[in-house]
Amino acid sequence: MFAFDRSSDTGRAPRTAIYLRSYPFDASGMECHRRALEELAFSSGLPEPVMFLDNGLRAGDGLPSRDALLKAVAAGSVDILLVPGLYVFGLDDDEANAVKEELARHGCRLVQLPSRRGRARRDASLTPAA
C-alpha cells in the first residue's frame, strides 16, 4: 500500500492531484474512481487532491486537463499524482509511459490505485478473525 513518507517532509504539505479520463463521456464523471482515489489520499495522510478530468475525450482529440496537469507538475504545483492506472494517459503503452516518464522528470510521484483484488486482500487482512 502507498503511504506518504513524512521523513522527507520539506515543511509544506505535498500538493496532490487526481487525473481521470473517460471515453465515451461518463455522466457520473468517473465518480467511483474519484472516490477511491480520494480515499487513498486520505488513508495515506495526504491533503485533499485537486481534480483534473478529461471526460468524453479521446487522446487524439486533445486532452486539455492532462495538458494543464503536466504544466502544473512542471511548475512544481503538483508533487503526487493519483490515477486509477496508466491507461488514463493513453491506451497506447508508449504514450502512457511517455507521460509517466515526464512526470518523473519533474519529480512528481505517480501512485496508481491498487486493483480491486489487491484492495480486497488488504481489507481482509485488516479484519480480525472470528
C-alpha atoms as a PDB file:
ATOM      1  CA  MET A   1       0.000   0.000   0.000  1.00  0.00           C
ATOM      2  CA  PHE A   2       1.072   3.536  -0.691  1.00  0.00           C
ATOM      3  CA  ALA A   3       1.971   5.575   2.352  1.00  0.00           C
ATOM      4  CA  PHE A   4       3.150   9.158   2.446  1.00  0.00           C
ATOM      5  CA  ASP A   5       6.613   9.338   3.982  1.00  0.00           C
ATOM      6  CA  ARG A   6       6.809  12.364   6.245  1.00  0.00           C
ATOM      7  CA  SER A   7      10.540  11.776   6.957  1.00  0.00           C
ATOM      8  CA  SER A   8      11.345  13.657   3.759  1.00  0.00           C
ATOM      9  CA  ASP A   9       8.985  16.467   4.735  1.00  0.00           C
ATOM     10  CA  THR A  10      10.117  19.833   3.385  1.00  0.00           C
ATOM     11  CA  GLY A  11       7.955  21.765   5.815  1.00  0.00           C
ATOM     12  CA  ARG A  12       4.976  22.004   3.489  1.00  0.00           C
ATOM     13  CA  ALA A  13       2.182  19.627   2.624  1.00  0.00           C
ATOM     14  CA  PRO A  14       2.608  17.812  -0.664  1.00  0.00           C
ATOM     15  CA  ARG A  15       0.447  19.096  -3.456  1.00  0.00           C
ATOM     16  CA  THR A  16      -1.686  16.192  -4.570  1.00  0.00           C
ATOM     17  CA  ALA A  17      -3.810  15.756  -7.695  1.00  0.00           C
ATOM     18  CA  ILE A  18      -6.033  13.180  -9.352  1.00  0.00           C
ATOM     19  CA  TYR A  19      -6.204  12.701 -13.113  1.00  0.00           C
ATOM     20  CA  LEU A  20      -9.109  10.873 -14.727  1.00  0.00           C
ATOM     21  CA  ARG A  21     -10.067  10.410 -18.361  1.00  0.00           C
ATOM     22  CA  SER A  22     -13.055   8.659 -19.830  1.00  0.00           C
ATOM     23  CA  TYR A  23     -14.171   7.962 -23.372  1.00  0.00           C
ATOM     24  CA  PRO A  24     -17.004   7.891 -24.130  1.00  0.00           C
ATOM     25  CA  PHE A  25     -18.446  10.564 -21.872  1.00  0.00           C
ATOM     26  CA  ASP A  26     -19.159   9.329 -18.339  1.00  0.00           C
ATOM     27  CA  ALA A  27     -22.212  11.112 -16.907  1.00  0.00           C
ATOM     28  CA  SER A  28     -21.013  10.361 -13.366  1.00  0.00           C
ATOM     29  CA  GLY A  29     -17.607  11.929 -14.034  1.00  0.00           C
ATOM     30  CA  MET A  30     -15.906   8.664 -13.029  1.00  0.00           C
ATOM     31  CA  GLU A  31     -17.316   9.079  -9.518  1.00  0.00           C
ATOM     32  CA  CYS A  32     -16.281   5.596  -8.321  1.00  0.00           C
ATOM     33  CA  HIS A  33     -12.658   6.135  -9.391  1.00  0.00           C
ATOM     34  CA  ARG A  34     -12.583   9.639  -7.911  1.00  0.00           C
ATOM     35  CA  ARG A  35     -13.903   8.386  -4.564  1.00  0.00           C
ATOM     36  CA  ALA A  36     -11.412   5.501  -4.451  1.00  0.00           C
ATOM     37  CA  LEU A  37      -8.511   7.846  -5.207  1.00  0.00           C
ATOM     38  CA  GLU A  38      -9.681  10.402  -2.644  1.00  0.00           C
ATOM     39  CA  GLU A  39      -9.902   7.609  -0.043  1.00  0.00           C
ATOM     40  CA  LEU A  40      -6.368   6.515  -0.960  1.00  0.00           C
ATOM     41  CA  ALA A  41      -5.144  10.071  -0.433  1.00  0.00           C
ATOM     42  CA  PHE A  42      -6.987  10.358   2.887  1.00  0.00           C
ATOM     43  CA  SER A  43      -5.744   6.998   4.199  1.00  0.00           C
ATOM     44  CA  SER A  44      -2.195   7.931   3.165  1.00  0.00           C
ATOM     45  CA  GLY A  45      -2.259  11.205   5.093  1.00  0.00           C
ATOM     46  CA  LEU A  46      -2.293  13.406   2.010  1.00  0.00           C
ATOM     47  CA  PRO A  47      -4.254  16.628   1.633  1.00  0.00           C
ATOM     48  CA  GLU A  48      -7.411  16.664  -0.455  1.00  0.00           C
ATOM     49  CA  PRO A  49      -6.348  16.252  -4.080  1.00  0.00           C
ATOM     50  CA  VAL A  50      -7.116  18.676  -6.885  1.00  0.00           C
ATOM     51  CA  MET A  51      -9.076  17.034  -9.709  1.00  0.00           C
ATOM     52  CA  PHE A  52      -8.094  17.090 -13.384  1.00  0.00           C
ATOM     53  CA  LEU A  53     -10.720  15.447 -15.635  1.00  0.00           C
ATOM     54  CA  ASP A  54     -10.938  14.905 -19.376  1.00  0.00           C
ATOM     55  CA  ASN A  55     -14.425  13.446 -19.810  1.00  0.00           C
ATOM     56  CA  GLY A  56     -15.589  12.207 -23.199  1.00  0.00           C
ATOM     57  CA  LEU A  57     -12.286  12.899 -24.944  1.00  0.00           C
ATOM     58  CA  ARG A  58     -10.019  10.554 -26.859  1.00  0.00           C
ATOM     59  CA  ALA A  59      -6.274  11.165 -26.722  1.00  0.00           C
ATOM     60  CA  GLY A  60      -6.412  12.113 -30.404  1.00  0.00           C
ATOM     61  CA  ASP A  61      -8.969  14.843 -29.618  1.00  0.00           C
ATOM     62  CA  GLY A  62      -6.518  16.636 -27.343  1.00  0.00           C
ATOM     63  CA  LEU A  63      -6.659  16.399 -23.578  1.00  0.00           C
ATOM     64  CA  PRO A  64      -6.788  19.909 -22.093  1.00  0.00           C
ATOM     65  CA  SER A  65      -6.896  18.784 -18.448  1.00  0.00           C
ATOM     66  CA  ARG A  66      -3.941  16.418 -18.955  1.00  0.00           C
ATOM     67  CA  ASP A  67      -2.022  19.281 -20.562  1.00  0.00           C
ATOM     68  CA  ALA A  68      -2.922  21.595 -17.661  1.00  0.00           C
ATOM     69  CA  LEU A  69      -1.837  18.899 -15.202  1.00  0.00           C
ATOM     70  CA  LEU A  70       1.531  18.470 -16.926  1.00  0.00           C
ATOM     71  CA  LYS A  71       2.064  22.249 -16.809  1.00  0.00           C
ATOM     72  CA  ALA A  72       1.197  22.258 -13.093  1.00  0.00           C
ATOM     73  CA  VAL A  73       3.663  19.424 -12.465  1.00  0.00           C
ATOM     74  CA  ALA A  74       6.402  21.214 -14.437  1.00  0.00           C
ATOM     75  CA  ALA A  75       5.734  24.380 -12.405  1.00  0.00           C
ATOM     76  CA  GLY A  76       6.079  22.444  -9.142  1.00  0.00           C
ATOM     77  CA  SER A  77       2.410  22.798  -8.239  1.00  0.00           C
ATOM     78  CA  VAL A  78       1.790  19.027  -8.043  1.00  0.00           C
ATOM     79  CA  ASP A  79       4.065  16.612  -6.159  1.00  0.00           C
ATOM     80  CA  ILE A  80       1.925  13.468  -6.088  1.00  0.00           C
ATOM     81  CA  LEU A  81      -0.472  12.318  -8.787  1.00  0.00           C
ATOM     82  CA  LEU A  82      -3.091   9.647  -8.128  1.00  0.00           C
ATOM     83  CA  VAL A  83      -4.521   7.712 -11.084  1.00  0.00           C
ATOM     84  CA  PRO A  84      -6.571   4.519 -11.447  1.00  0.00           C
ATOM     85  CA  GLY A  85      -3.999   3.225 -13.960  1.00  0.00           C
ATOM     86  CA  LEU A  86      -1.615   4.368 -16.664  1.00  0.00           C
ATOM     87  CA  TYR A  87      -4.385   3.906 -19.252  1.00  0.00           C
ATOM     88  CA  VAL A  88      -5.710   7.370 -18.376  1.00  0.00           C
ATOM     89  CA  PHE A  89      -2.695   8.857 -20.169  1.00  0.00           C
ATOM     90  CA  GLY A  90      -3.351   6.859 -23.325  1.00  0.00           C
ATOM     91  CA  LEU A  91      -4.350   3.378 -24.378  1.00  0.00           C
ATOM     92  CA  ASP A  92      -1.057   3.028 -26.240  1.00  0.00           C
ATOM     93  CA  ASP A  93       1.619   1.790 -23.805  1.00  0.00           C
ATOM     94  CA  ASP A  94       4.310   4.000 -25.347  1.00  0.00           C
ATOM     95  CA  GLU A  95       2.157   7.110 -24.984  1.00  0.00           C
ATOM     96  CA  ALA A  96       1.203   6.250 -21.386  1.00  0.00           C
ATOM     97  CA  ASN A  97       4.832   5.531 -20.455  1.00  0.00           C
ATOM     98  CA  ALA A  98       5.988   8.802 -22.045  1.00  0.00           C
ATOM     99  CA  VAL A  99       3.639  10.734 -19.751  1.00  0.00           C
ATOM    100  CA  LYS A 100       4.803   8.658 -16.768  1.00  0.00           C
ATOM    101  CA  GLU A 101       8.431   9.488 -17.599  1.00  0.00           C
ATOM    102  CA  GLU A 102       7.632  13.191 -17.999  1.00  0.00           C
ATOM    103  CA  LEU A 103       6.035  13.239 -14.551  1.00  0.00           C
ATOM    104  CA  ALA A 104       9.105  11.516 -13.071  1.00  0.00           C
ATOM    105  CA  ARG A 105      11.475  14.019 -14.747  1.00  0.00           C
ATOM    106  CA  HIS A 106       9.707  16.783 -12.870  1.00  0.00           C
ATOM    107  CA  GLY A 107       9.864  14.913  -9.558  1.00  0.00           C
ATOM    108  CA  CYS A 108       6.175  14.031  -9.415  1.00  0.00           C
ATOM    109  CA  ARG A 109       5.396  10.771  -7.663  1.00  0.00           C
ATOM    110  CA  LEU A 110       2.823   8.716  -9.555  1.00  0.00           C
ATOM    111  CA  VAL A 111       0.563   6.465  -7.491  1.00  0.00           C
ATOM    112  CA  GLN A 112      -1.801   4.013  -9.141  1.00  0.00           C
ATOM    113  CA  LEU A 113      -4.935   2.744  -7.457  1.00  0.00           C
ATOM    114  CA  PRO A 114      -4.434  -0.855  -6.314  1.00  0.00           C
ATOM    115  CA  SER A 115      -6.573  -3.391  -8.170  1.00  0.00           C
ATOM    116  CA  ARG A 116      -9.890  -4.382  -6.613  1.00  0.00           C
ATOM    117  CA  ARG A 117      -8.394  -7.794  -5.851  1.00  0.00           C
ATOM    118  CA  GLY A 118      -5.439  -6.127  -4.101  1.00  0.00           C
ATOM    119  CA  ARG A 119      -7.747  -3.818  -2.138  1.00  0.00           C
ATOM    120  CA  ALA A 120      -9.964  -6.749  -1.102  1.00  0.00           C
ATOM    121  CA  ARG A 121      -6.915  -8.739   0.029  1.00  0.00           C
ATOM    122  CA  ARG A 122      -5.624  -5.745   2.017  1.00  0.00           C
ATOM    123  CA  ASP A 123      -9.041  -5.107   3.613  1.00  0.00           C
ATOM    124  CA  ALA A 124      -9.411  -8.802   4.514  1.00  0.00           C
ATOM    125  CA  SER A 125      -6.010  -8.767   6.210  1.00  0.00           C
ATOM    126  CA  LEU A 126      -7.241  -5.910   8.432  1.00  0.00           C
ATOM    127  CA  THR A 127     -10.376  -7.792   9.516  1.00  0.00           C
ATOM    128  CA  PRO A 128      -9.925  -9.673  12.811  1.00  0.00           C
ATOM    129  CA  ALA A 129     -10.550 -13.402  12.679  1.00  0.00           C
ATOM    130  CA  ALA A 130     -13.788 -14.585  14.340  1.00  0.00           C
END
